[in-house]
C-alpha atoms as a PDB file:
ATOM      1  CA  MET A   1      10.874 -17.432  -8.237  1.00  0.00           C
ATOM      2  CA  PHE A   2       9.286 -14.559  -6.333  1.00  0.00           C
ATOM      3  CA  GLY A   3      11.046 -11.225  -6.637  1.00  0.00           C
ATOM      4  CA  VAL A   4      10.661  -7.545  -7.461  1.00  0.00           C
ATOM      5  CA  THR A   5      12.763  -5.753 -10.086  1.00  0.00           C
ATOM      6  CA  ILE A   6      12.987  -1.986  -9.717  1.00  0.00           C
ATOM      7  CA  LEU A   7      12.534  -0.076 -12.978  1.00  0.00           C
ATOM      8  CA  GLY A   8      12.092   3.406 -11.515  1.00  0.00           C
ATOM      9  CA  ASN A   9      12.615   4.886  -8.053  1.00  0.00           C
ATOM     10  CA  ASN A  10      12.167   8.633  -8.501  1.00  0.00           C
ATOM     11  CA  SER A  11       9.189  10.852  -7.752  1.00  0.00           C
ATOM     12  CA  ALA A  12       7.485  13.471  -9.911  1.00  0.00           C
ATOM     13  CA  ILE A  13      10.345  14.738 -12.107  1.00  0.00           C
ATOM     14  CA  PRO A  14      12.650  12.257 -13.894  1.00  0.00           C
ATOM     15  CA  THR A  15      16.374  12.838 -13.621  1.00  0.00           C
ATOM     16  CA  LEU A  16      19.138  11.793 -15.973  1.00  0.00           C
ATOM     17  CA  ASP A  17      19.878   8.738 -13.846  1.00  0.00           C
ATOM     18  CA  ARG A  18      16.563   7.984 -12.111  1.00  0.00           C
ATOM     19  CA  TYR A  19      13.196   7.138 -13.661  1.00  0.00           C
ATOM     20  CA  PRO A  20       9.723   7.601 -12.135  1.00  0.00           C
ATOM     21  CA  THR A  21       8.061   4.753 -10.281  1.00  0.00           C
ATOM     22  CA  ALA A  22       7.723   1.332 -11.897  1.00  0.00           C
ATOM     23  CA  GLN A  23       8.351  -2.207 -10.680  1.00  0.00           C
ATOM     24  CA  ILE A  24       8.131  -5.699 -12.128  1.00  0.00           C
ATOM     25  CA  VAL A  25       7.040  -8.431  -9.737  1.00  0.00           C
ATOM     26  CA  THR A  26       7.929 -11.958 -10.882  1.00  0.00           C
ATOM     27  CA  CYS A  27       5.774 -14.759  -9.498  1.00  0.00           C
ATOM     28  CA  ASN A  28       7.084 -17.991 -11.001  1.00  0.00           C
ATOM     29  CA  ASP A  29       6.019 -17.759 -14.670  1.00  0.00           C
ATOM     30  CA  GLN A  30       3.906 -14.618 -14.302  1.00  0.00           C
ATOM     31  CA  LEU A  31       4.976 -10.979 -14.525  1.00  0.00           C
ATOM     32  CA  LEU A  32       3.135  -8.123 -12.850  1.00  0.00           C
ATOM     33  CA  LEU A  33       3.861  -4.443 -13.465  1.00  0.00           C
ATOM     34  CA  ILE A  34       3.168  -2.097 -10.566  1.00  0.00           C
ATOM     35  CA  ASP A  35       2.928   1.511 -11.723  1.00  0.00           C
ATOM     36  CA  CYS A  36       4.237   2.697 -15.062  1.00  0.00           C
ATOM     37  CA  GLY A  37       5.985   6.043 -14.911  1.00  0.00           C
ATOM     38  CA  GLU A  38       7.448   7.820 -17.909  1.00  0.00           C
ATOM     39  CA  GLY A  39      10.108   5.726 -19.653  1.00  0.00           C
ATOM     40  CA  THR A  40       9.039   2.383 -18.182  1.00  0.00           C
ATOM     41  CA  GLN A  41       9.214   0.576 -21.512  1.00  0.00           C
ATOM     42  CA  LEU A  42      12.797   1.788 -21.964  1.00  0.00           C
ATOM     43  CA  GLN A  43      13.677   0.289 -18.585  1.00  0.00           C
ATOM     44  CA  ILE A  44      11.910  -2.944 -19.519  1.00  0.00           C
ATOM     45  CA  ALA A  45      14.111  -3.157 -22.613  1.00  0.00           C
ATOM     46  CA  LYS A  46      17.270  -2.122 -20.749  1.00  0.00           C
ATOM     47  CA  TYR A  47      16.862  -4.778 -18.068  1.00  0.00           C
ATOM     48  CA  ARG A  48      15.671  -7.426 -20.528  1.00  0.00           C
ATOM     49  CA  ILE A  49      12.260  -7.998 -19.038  1.00  0.00           C
ATOM     50  CA  LYS A  50      10.241 -10.391 -21.189  1.00  0.00           C
ATOM     51  CA  ARG A  51       7.279  -8.288 -22.290  1.00  0.00           C
ATOM     52  CA  GLY A  52       5.384 -11.323 -23.518  1.00  0.00           C
ATOM     53  CA  LYS A  53       5.065 -12.685 -19.988  1.00  0.00           C
ATOM     54  CA  LEU A  54       3.457  -9.524 -18.678  1.00  0.00           C
ATOM     55  CA  ARG A  55      -0.114 -10.402 -17.676  1.00  0.00           C
ATOM     56  CA  TYR A  56      -1.217  -7.847 -15.120  1.00  0.00           C
ATOM     57  CA  ILE A  57      -0.671  -4.105 -14.625  1.00  0.00           C
ATOM     58  CA  PHE A  58      -1.529  -2.298 -11.390  1.00  0.00           C
ATOM     59  CA  ILE A  59      -1.687   1.502 -11.279  1.00  0.00           C
ATOM     60  CA  SER A  60      -1.754   2.937  -7.767  1.00  0.00           C
ATOM     61  CA  HIS A  61      -3.126   6.385  -8.629  1.00  0.00           C
ATOM     62  CA  LEU A  62      -3.392   8.944 -11.390  1.00  0.00           C
ATOM     63  CA  HIS A  63      -0.484  11.260 -10.707  1.00  0.00           C
ATOM     64  CA  GLY A  64       1.559  11.302 -13.888  1.00  0.00           C
ATOM     65  CA  ASP A  65       4.762   9.864 -12.458  1.00  0.00           C
ATOM     66  CA  HIS A  66       2.856   6.625 -11.858  1.00  0.00           C
ATOM     67  CA  TYR A  67       1.158   6.130 -15.225  1.00  0.00           C
ATOM     68  CA  PHE A  68       2.495   8.453 -17.956  1.00  0.00           C
ATOM     69  CA  GLY A  69       4.491   5.553 -19.447  1.00  0.00           C
ATOM     70  CA  LEU A  70       1.447   3.303 -19.831  1.00  0.00           C
ATOM     71  CA  ILE A  71       0.067   4.378 -23.217  1.00  0.00           C
ATOM     72  CA  GLY A  72       3.495   4.005 -24.828  1.00  0.00           C
ATOM     73  CA  LEU A  73       3.916   0.530 -23.385  1.00  0.00           C
ATOM     74  CA  LEU A  74       0.450  -0.557 -24.530  1.00  0.00           C
ATOM     75  CA  ASN A  75       1.168   0.694 -28.049  1.00  0.00           C
ATOM     76  CA  THR A  76       4.549  -1.041 -28.167  1.00  0.00           C
ATOM     77  CA  LEU A  77       2.994  -4.346 -27.111  1.00  0.00           C
ATOM     78  CA  ASN A  78       0.540  -3.913 -29.990  1.00  0.00           C
ATOM     79  CA  LEU A  79       3.290  -3.136 -32.521  1.00  0.00           C
ATOM     80  CA  MET A  80       5.169  -6.223 -31.383  1.00  0.00           C
ATOM     81  CA  GLY A  81       2.176  -8.395 -32.192  1.00  0.00           C
ATOM     82  CA  ARG A  82       0.752  -9.163 -28.790  1.00  0.00           C
ATOM     83  CA  VAL A  83      -2.520 -11.110 -28.912  1.00  0.00           C
ATOM     84  CA  ASP A  84      -2.813 -12.339 -25.320  1.00  0.00           C
ATOM     85  CA  PRO A  85      -5.229 -10.413 -23.089  1.00  0.00           C
ATOM     86  CA  LEU A  86      -3.814  -7.925 -20.589  1.00  0.00           C
ATOM     87  CA  SER A  87      -5.504  -6.985 -17.318  1.00  0.00           C
ATOM     88  CA  ILE A  88      -5.181  -3.465 -15.890  1.00  0.00           C
ATOM     89  CA  TYR A  89      -6.210  -2.674 -12.313  1.00  0.00           C
ATOM     90  CA  ALA A  90      -6.476   1.055 -11.743  1.00  0.00           C
ATOM     91  CA  PRO A  91      -8.691   3.957 -10.696  1.00  0.00           C
ATOM     92  CA  PRO A  92     -11.734   3.991 -13.015  1.00  0.00           C
ATOM     93  CA  GLU A  93     -10.850   7.251 -14.793  1.00  0.00           C
ATOM     94  CA  LEU A  94      -7.841   5.604 -16.413  1.00  0.00           C
ATOM     95  CA  GLU A  95     -10.011   3.510 -18.710  1.00  0.00           C
ATOM     96  CA  GLN A  96     -11.403   6.640 -20.361  1.00  0.00           C
ATOM     97  CA  ILE A  97      -7.922   8.168 -20.597  1.00  0.00           C
ATOM     98  CA  ILE A  98      -6.687   5.099 -22.479  1.00  0.00           C
ATOM     99  CA  GLN A  99      -9.726   5.058 -24.778  1.00  0.00           C
ATOM    100  CA  ILE A 100      -9.360   8.743 -25.684  1.00  0.00           C
ATOM    101  CA  GLN A 101      -5.666   8.366 -26.495  1.00  0.00           C
ATOM    102  CA  MET A 102      -6.319   5.322 -28.654  1.00  0.00           C
ATOM    103  CA  GLU A 103      -9.215   6.977 -30.491  1.00  0.00           C
ATOM    104  CA  CYS A 104      -7.305  10.211 -31.147  1.00  0.00           C
ATOM    105  CA  SER A 105      -4.372   8.299 -32.619  1.00  0.00           C
ATOM    106  CA  GLY A 106      -6.572   5.909 -34.609  1.00  0.00           C
ATOM    107  CA  THR A 107      -5.063   2.934 -32.809  1.00  0.00           C
ATOM    108  CA  ALA A 108      -6.886  -0.390 -32.609  1.00  0.00           C
ATOM    109  CA  LEU A 109      -5.209  -2.885 -30.281  1.00  0.00           C
ATOM    110  CA  ARG A 110      -4.889  -6.474 -31.483  1.00  0.00           C
ATOM    111  CA  TYR A 111      -5.190  -7.721 -27.923  1.00  0.00           C
ATOM    112  CA  GLU A 112      -7.946  -7.341 -25.359  1.00  0.00           C
ATOM    113  CA  ILE A 113      -7.577  -5.148 -22.289  1.00  0.00           C
ATOM    114  CA  ASN A 114      -9.497  -6.350 -19.270  1.00  0.00           C
ATOM    115  CA  PHE A 115      -9.916  -3.197 -17.181  1.00  0.00           C
ATOM    116  CA  VAL A 116     -10.699  -3.652 -13.489  1.00  0.00           C
ATOM    117  CA  PRO A 117     -11.650  -0.367 -11.757  1.00  0.00           C
ATOM    118  CA  LEU A 118     -10.391   0.240  -8.228  1.00  0.00           C
ATOM    119  CA  MET A 119     -13.044   2.322  -6.523  1.00  0.00           C
ATOM    120  CA  PRO A 120     -11.940   4.886  -3.912  1.00  0.00           C
ATOM    121  CA  GLY A 121     -11.353   3.361  -0.497  1.00  0.00           C
ATOM    122  CA  TYR A 122     -11.747  -0.248  -1.643  1.00  0.00           C
ATOM    123  CA  THR A 123      -9.950  -2.931   0.336  1.00  0.00           C
ATOM    124  CA  GLY A 124      -9.747  -6.611  -0.532  1.00  0.00           C
ATOM    125  CA  VAL A 125      -8.620  -9.307  -2.930  1.00  0.00           C
ATOM    126  CA  ILE A 126      -8.645  -8.213  -6.568  1.00  0.00           C
ATOM    127  CA  LEU A 127      -6.833 -11.117  -8.236  1.00  0.00           C
ATOM    128  CA  GLU A 128      -6.410 -14.837  -7.649  1.00  0.00           C
ATOM    129  CA  ASP A 129      -4.549 -16.856 -10.269  1.00  0.00           C
ATOM    130  CA  LYS A 130      -2.972 -20.249  -9.567  1.00  0.00           C
ATOM    131  CA  ASP A 131      -0.800 -19.732  -6.483  1.00  0.00           C
ATOM    132  CA  LEU A 132      -0.893 -15.935  -6.797  1.00  0.00           C
ATOM    133  CA  SER A 133      -3.118 -13.597  -4.809  1.00  0.00           C
ATOM    134  CA  VAL A 134      -3.186  -9.797  -5.012  1.00  0.00           C
ATOM    135  CA  SER A 135      -5.153  -7.490  -2.738  1.00  0.00           C
ATOM    136  CA  CYS A 136      -5.334  -3.712  -2.575  1.00  0.00           C
ATOM    137  CA  PHE A 137      -5.755  -1.197   0.222  1.00  0.00           C
ATOM    138  CA  PRO A 138      -6.156   2.607   0.309  1.00  0.00           C
ATOM    139  CA  THR A 139      -3.237   4.857   1.181  1.00  0.00           C
ATOM    140  CA  GLN A 140      -3.538   8.472   2.295  1.00  0.00           C
ATOM    141  CA  HIS A 141      -2.530  10.738  -0.561  1.00  0.00           C
ATOM    142  CA  ARG A 142      -3.891  13.890  -2.250  1.00  0.00           C
ATOM    143  CA  ILE A 143      -6.071  11.822  -4.562  1.00  0.00           C
ATOM    144  CA  SER A 144      -7.445   8.279  -4.398  1.00  0.00           C
ATOM    145  CA  CYS A 145      -4.430   5.991  -4.118  1.00  0.00           C
ATOM    146  CA  PHE A 146      -3.808   2.298  -3.471  1.00  0.00           C
ATOM    147  CA  GLY A 147      -1.162  -0.014  -2.152  1.00  0.00           C
ATOM    148  CA  PHE A 148      -0.898  -3.628  -3.295  1.00  0.00           C
ATOM    149  CA  SER A 149      -0.141  -6.825  -1.409  1.00  0.00           C
ATOM    150  CA  VAL A 150       1.186  -9.635  -3.598  1.00  0.00           C
ATOM    151  CA  GLU A 151       1.231 -13.099  -2.061  1.00  0.00           C
ATOM    152  CA  LEU A 152       2.737 -16.232  -3.558  1.00  0.00           C
ATOM    153  CA  ARG A 153       0.988 -19.057  -1.739  1.00  0.00           C
ATOM    154  CA  LYS A 154       2.067 -22.645  -1.270  1.00  0.00           C
ATOM    155  CA  LYS A 155      -1.111 -24.651  -1.714  1.00  0.00           C
ATOM    156  CA  LYS A 156       0.142 -28.219  -1.468  1.00  0.00           C
ATOM    157  CA  ARG A 157       0.290 -29.918   1.906  1.00  0.00           C
ATOM    158  CA  LYS A 158       3.499 -31.659   2.932  1.00  0.00           C
ATOM    159  CA  LEU A 159       3.339 -35.452   2.888  1.00  0.00           C
ATOM    160  CA  ILE A 160       4.549 -37.552   5.836  1.00  0.00           C
ATOM    161  CA  PRO A 161       5.707 -40.659   3.912  1.00  0.00           C
ATOM    162  CA  ASP A 162       6.051 -42.962   6.920  1.00  0.00           C
ATOM    163  CA  GLN A 163       2.548 -42.119   8.075  1.00  0.00           C
ATOM    164  CA  ALA A 164       1.102 -42.635   4.615  1.00  0.00           C
ATOM    165  CA  LYS A 165       2.741 -46.057   4.397  1.00  0.00           C
ATOM    166  CA  ALA A 166       1.567 -46.978   7.889  1.00  0.00           C
ATOM    167  CA  TYR A 167      -2.030 -46.253   6.864  1.00  0.00           C
ATOM    168  CA  GLU A 168      -1.516 -48.251   3.654  1.00  0.00           C
ATOM    169  CA  VAL A 169      -2.147 -45.348   1.287  1.00  0.00           C
ATOM    170  CA  PRO A 170      -0.871 -46.252  -2.203  1.00  0.00           C
ATOM    171  CA  ALA A 171       1.895 -44.069  -3.586  1.00  0.00           C
ATOM    172  CA  ALA A 172      -0.239 -43.262  -6.633  1.00  0.00           C
ATOM    173  CA  TYR A 173      -2.590 -41.354  -4.302  1.00  0.00           C
ATOM    174  CA  TYR A 174       0.083 -39.174  -2.703  1.00  0.00           C
ATOM    175  CA  GLY A 175      -0.547 -36.291  -5.083  1.00  0.00           C
ATOM    176  CA  LYS A 176      -4.191 -36.083  -3.991  1.00  0.00           C
ATOM    177  CA  LEU A 177      -3.139 -36.182  -0.354  1.00  0.00           C
ATOM    178  CA  GLN A 178      -0.965 -33.118  -0.991  1.00  0.00           C
ATOM    179  CA  GLU A 179      -4.009 -31.401  -2.455  1.00  0.00           C
ATOM    180  CA  GLY A 180      -5.938 -32.039   0.777  1.00  0.00           C
ATOM    181  CA  ALA A 181      -7.968 -35.155  -0.047  1.00  0.00           C
ATOM    182  CA  ASP A 182      -8.765 -37.942   2.416  1.00  0.00           C
ATOM    183  CA  TYR A 183      -8.264 -41.597   1.417  1.00  0.00           C
ATOM    184  CA  LEU A 184     -10.867 -44.346   1.749  1.00  0.00           C
ATOM    185  CA  ARG A 185      -9.251 -47.755   2.157  1.00  0.00           C
ATOM    186  CA  LYS A 186     -10.811 -50.940   0.844  1.00  0.00           C
ATOM    187  CA  ASP A 187     -11.559 -52.060   4.392  1.00  0.00           C
ATOM    188  CA  GLY A 188     -13.711 -48.961   4.884  1.00  0.00           C
ATOM    189  CA  LEU A 189     -11.282 -46.920   7.004  1.00  0.00           C
ATOM    190  CA  LEU A 190     -11.264 -43.268   6.027  1.00  0.00           C
ATOM    191  CA  VAL A 191      -7.693 -42.005   6.350  1.00  0.00           C
ATOM    192  CA  LYS A 192      -7.986 -38.358   7.300  1.00  0.00           C
ATOM    193  CA  ASN A 193      -5.693 -36.024   5.419  1.00  0.00           C
ATOM    194  CA  ASP A 194      -4.215 -34.475   8.554  1.00  0.00           C
ATOM    195  CA  TRP A 195      -3.110 -37.931   9.723  1.00  0.00           C
ATOM    196  CA  VAL A 196      -0.630 -38.203   6.867  1.00  0.00           C
ATOM    197  CA  THR A 197       0.180 -34.599   5.884  1.00  0.00           C
ATOM    198  CA  ILE A 198       0.989 -31.287   7.481  1.00  0.00           C
ATOM    199  CA  PRO A 199      -0.193 -27.839   6.322  1.00  0.00           C
ATOM    200  CA  PRO A 200       1.844 -26.103   3.629  1.00  0.00           C
ATOM    201  CA  GLU A 201       4.468 -23.587   4.602  1.00  0.00           C
ATOM    202  CA  LYS A 202       3.283 -20.024   4.857  1.00  0.00           C
ATOM    203  CA  GLY A 203       3.401 -18.148   1.556  1.00  0.00           C
ATOM    204  CA  LYS A 204       5.642 -15.176   0.858  1.00  0.00           C
ATOM    205  CA  ARG A 205       4.215 -11.654   0.719  1.00  0.00           C
ATOM    206  CA  TYR A 206       5.402  -8.451  -0.931  1.00  0.00           C
ATOM    207  CA  VAL A 207       3.621  -5.223  -0.011  1.00  0.00           C
ATOM    208  CA  TYR A 208       3.871  -2.152  -2.216  1.00  0.00           C
ATOM    209  CA  CYS A 209       2.913   0.937  -0.243  1.00  0.00           C
ATOM    210  CA  ALA A 210       2.299   3.700  -2.760  1.00  0.00           C
ATOM    211  CA  ASP A 211       2.383   7.460  -2.204  1.00  0.00           C
ATOM    212  CA  THR A 212       1.142   8.250   1.280  1.00  0.00           C
ATOM    213  CA  ILE A 213       1.565  10.354   4.361  1.00  0.00           C
ATOM    214  CA  TYR A 214       2.872   8.664   7.497  1.00  0.00           C
ATOM    215  CA  ASP A 215      -0.148   6.567   8.521  1.00  0.00           C
ATOM    216  CA  VAL A 216      -0.216   3.951  11.288  1.00  0.00           C
ATOM    217  CA  ASN A 217      -3.548   2.749   9.882  1.00  0.00           C
ATOM    218  CA  LEU A 218      -1.496   0.988   7.201  1.00  0.00           C
ATOM    219  CA  LEU A 219       0.029  -1.381   9.747  1.00  0.00           C
ATOM    220  CA  PRO A 220      -2.570  -4.171   9.352  1.00  0.00           C
ATOM    221  CA  TYR A 221      -1.692  -4.416   5.655  1.00  0.00           C
ATOM    222  CA  LEU A 222       2.069  -4.381   6.307  1.00  0.00           C
ATOM    223  CA  GLN A 223       2.095  -6.743   9.283  1.00  0.00           C
ATOM    224  CA  ASP A 224       4.730  -9.520   9.082  1.00  0.00           C
ATOM    225  CA  ALA A 225       5.365  -8.928   5.366  1.00  0.00           C
ATOM    226  CA  ASP A 226       8.484 -10.507   3.908  1.00  0.00           C
ATOM    227  CA  VAL A 227       9.329  -7.367   1.930  1.00  0.00           C
ATOM    228  CA  ILE A 228       7.765  -3.904   2.103  1.00  0.00           C
ATOM    229  CA  TYR A 229       8.264  -1.083  -0.369  1.00  0.00           C
ATOM    230  CA  HIS A 230       7.444   2.278   1.185  1.00  0.00           C
ATOM    231  CA  GLU A 231       7.889   5.720  -0.300  1.00  0.00           C
ATOM    232  CA  THR A 232      10.497   8.036   1.224  1.00  0.00           C
ATOM    233  CA  THR A 233      10.182  11.177  -0.838  1.00  0.00           C
ATOM    234  CA  TYR A 234      12.093  13.293   1.682  1.00  0.00           C
ATOM    235  CA  LEU A 235      14.740  13.032   4.342  1.00  0.00           C
ATOM    236  CA  HIS A 236      13.332  13.524   7.806  1.00  0.00           C
ATOM    237  CA  GLU A 237      14.396  17.153   8.237  1.00  0.00           C
ATOM    238  CA  LEU A 238      11.701  17.974   5.650  1.00  0.00           C
ATOM    239  CA  GLU A 239       8.965  16.242   7.628  1.00  0.00           C
ATOM    240  CA  GLY A 240       6.762  19.324   7.398  1.00  0.00           C
ATOM    241  CA  ARG A 241       7.007  19.471   3.606  1.00  0.00           C
ATOM    242  CA  ALA A 242       6.294  15.753   3.401  1.00  0.00           C
ATOM    243  CA  ALA A 243       3.075  16.165   5.393  1.00  0.00           C
ATOM    244  CA  GLU A 244       1.956  19.143   3.301  1.00  0.00           C
ATOM    245  CA  ARG A 245       2.414  17.155   0.094  1.00  0.00           C
ATOM    246  CA  PHE A 246       1.015  13.882   1.470  1.00  0.00           C
ATOM    247  CA  HIS A 247       4.344  12.082   1.343  1.00  0.00           C
ATOM    248  CA  SER A 248       6.575  10.327   3.874  1.00  0.00           C
ATOM    249  CA  THR A 249      10.123  10.638   5.154  1.00  0.00           C
ATOM    250  CA  SER A 250      12.916   8.131   5.647  1.00  0.00           C
ATOM    251  CA  VAL A 251      12.371   7.880   9.399  1.00  0.00           C
ATOM    252  CA  GLN A 252       8.628   7.454   8.998  1.00  0.00           C
ATOM    253  CA  ALA A 253       8.993   4.582   6.523  1.00  0.00           C
ATOM    254  CA  ALA A 254      11.497   2.809   8.766  1.00  0.00           C
ATOM    255  CA  SER A 255       9.273   3.287  11.808  1.00  0.00           C
ATOM    256  CA  LEU A 256       6.311   1.667  10.046  1.00  0.00           C
ATOM    257  CA  ALA A 257       8.425  -1.290   8.887  1.00  0.00           C
ATOM    258  CA  ALA A 258       9.674  -1.826  12.441  1.00  0.00           C
ATOM    259  CA  ALA A 259       6.184  -1.567  13.924  1.00  0.00           C
ATOM    260  CA  ALA A 260       4.873  -4.040  11.335  1.00  0.00           C
ATOM    261  CA  HIS A 261       7.633  -6.573  12.146  1.00  0.00           C
ATOM    262  CA  ALA A 262       8.489  -6.780   8.464  1.00  0.00           C
ATOM    263  CA  LYS A 263      11.534  -8.732   7.381  1.00  0.00           C
ATOM    264  CA  ARG A 264      12.862  -6.252   4.831  1.00  0.00           C
ATOM    265  CA  LEU A 265      12.225  -2.674   3.712  1.00  0.00           C
ATOM    266  CA  LEU A 266      12.830  -1.150   0.291  1.00  0.00           C
ATOM    267  CA  ILE A 267      12.655   2.627   0.004  1.00  0.00           C
ATOM    268  CA  GLY A 268      12.078   4.756  -3.076  1.00  0.00           C
ATOM    269  CA  HIS A 269      10.092   7.567  -4.718  1.00  0.00           C
ATOM    270  CA  PHE A 270      12.914   9.979  -3.980  1.00  0.00           C
ATOM    271  CA  SER A 271      12.515  13.665  -4.681  1.00  0.00           C
ATOM    272  CA  SER A 272      14.607  14.840  -7.633  1.00  0.00           C
ATOM    273  CA  MET A 273      16.176  17.424  -5.305  1.00  0.00           C
ATOM    274  CA  TYR A 274      18.424  14.646  -3.978  1.00  0.00           C
ATOM    275  CA  THR A 275      21.431  13.589  -6.040  1.00  0.00           C
ATOM    276  CA  GLU A 276      22.838  11.257  -3.363  1.00  0.00           C
ATOM    277  CA  LEU A 277      20.694   8.561  -1.780  1.00  0.00           C
ATOM    278  CA  ASP A 278      23.005   7.236   0.944  1.00  0.00           C
ATOM    279  CA  PRO A 279      21.628   9.739   3.489  1.00  0.00           C
ATOM    280  CA  PHE A 280      18.302   7.893   3.281  1.00  0.00           C
ATOM    281  CA  LEU A 281      19.976   4.718   4.529  1.00  0.00           C
ATOM    282  CA  GLU A 282      21.793   6.680   7.214  1.00  0.00           C
ATOM    283  CA  GLN A 283      18.402   7.723   8.575  1.00  0.00           C
ATOM    284  CA  THR A 284      16.480   4.458   8.110  1.00  0.00           C
ATOM    285  CA  ARG A 285      18.926   1.748   9.160  1.00  0.00           C
ATOM    286  CA  PRO A 286      19.302   2.856  12.805  1.00  0.00           C
ATOM    287  CA  ILE A 287      15.537   2.295  13.110  1.00  0.00           C
ATOM    288  CA  PHE A 288      15.129  -0.643  10.733  1.00  0.00           C
ATOM    289  CA  PRO A 289      18.517  -2.220   9.881  1.00  0.00           C
ATOM    290  CA  ASN A 290      17.356  -4.416   7.001  1.00  0.00           C
ATOM    291  CA  THR A 291      16.622  -1.473   4.698  1.00  0.00           C
ATOM    292  CA  ASP A 292      17.799  -1.119   1.101  1.00  0.00           C
ATOM    293  CA  ILE A 293      17.519   1.522  -1.582  1.00  0.00           C
ATOM    294  CA  ALA A 294      15.127   0.373  -4.303  1.00  0.00           C
ATOM    295  CA  GLU A 295      17.948   0.622  -6.809  1.00  0.00           C
ATOM    296  CA  GLU A 296      16.989   0.564 -10.472  1.00  0.00           C
ATOM    297  CA  GLY A 297      17.867  -2.646 -12.294  1.00  0.00           C
ATOM    298  CA  VAL A 298      18.181  -4.657  -9.088  1.00  0.00           C
ATOM    299  CA  THR A 299      15.957  -7.673  -8.385  1.00  0.00           C
ATOM    300  CA  PHE A 300      15.134  -8.239  -4.724  1.00  0.00           C
ATOM    301  CA  LEU A 301      13.977 -11.729  -3.811  1.00  0.00           C
ATOM    302  CA  VAL A 302      10.958 -11.971  -1.543  1.00  0.00           C
END
């Protein structure tokens, strides 16, 4: 399975029915948490996310609505007896913030935290694990901020059974063929892998575009993505306010998704000034029809 479950879709100030930003990305048997706003662990419990499968946490930037829920979650994992290591990818200052909070409360974690600092402006792969690959890229916000591209790759090549039989490759060797190996027959003929297999299907890609102004320089990272999440803090009539605060509007997010030829767009990070979210779809769908509200509790398949 490859999907994203929305835990929070609001911006700076929580409301009674919307939590700050947090998402769980499920990649087969691995869980990734992207951002951890206030109340994230309550949402994890509410939507029955299996905490024990959480292996990686990615924090886009150090505005509170994206990480104020982290220390509570880390402490809860400790109280529940976690012993497996946990990796956190975040701006470097967060490591000291965590250490100070733990020291002041006299807390010693039973599990190891592997902290990976994301230096300002860095672009590139930050995680490869089995068939999972995660890269980061800078977004344009008031402080150093990152987006994340999560790709679930299909590594095995597809076997052409008739061809394999024709070249007298034993069935016991088919697994190695799918892994890309050639086969040397007893008569000395080297059966090339591409004679009997075809490349694997293209992997699926989810791109999380964190807080940012409207920026066409993001297009290379969004290009042809299966699902994009892009912030839409404001409706388009507040375009000026969005620019002043380094945020984006509904129309701007939809325009980027269309220009990137994405397959689907999720929108979130709504200002707490809005009580109704349908107007966001009314502005985005004429530009990019396959747009959905990043509704809390909903899992969107990639």
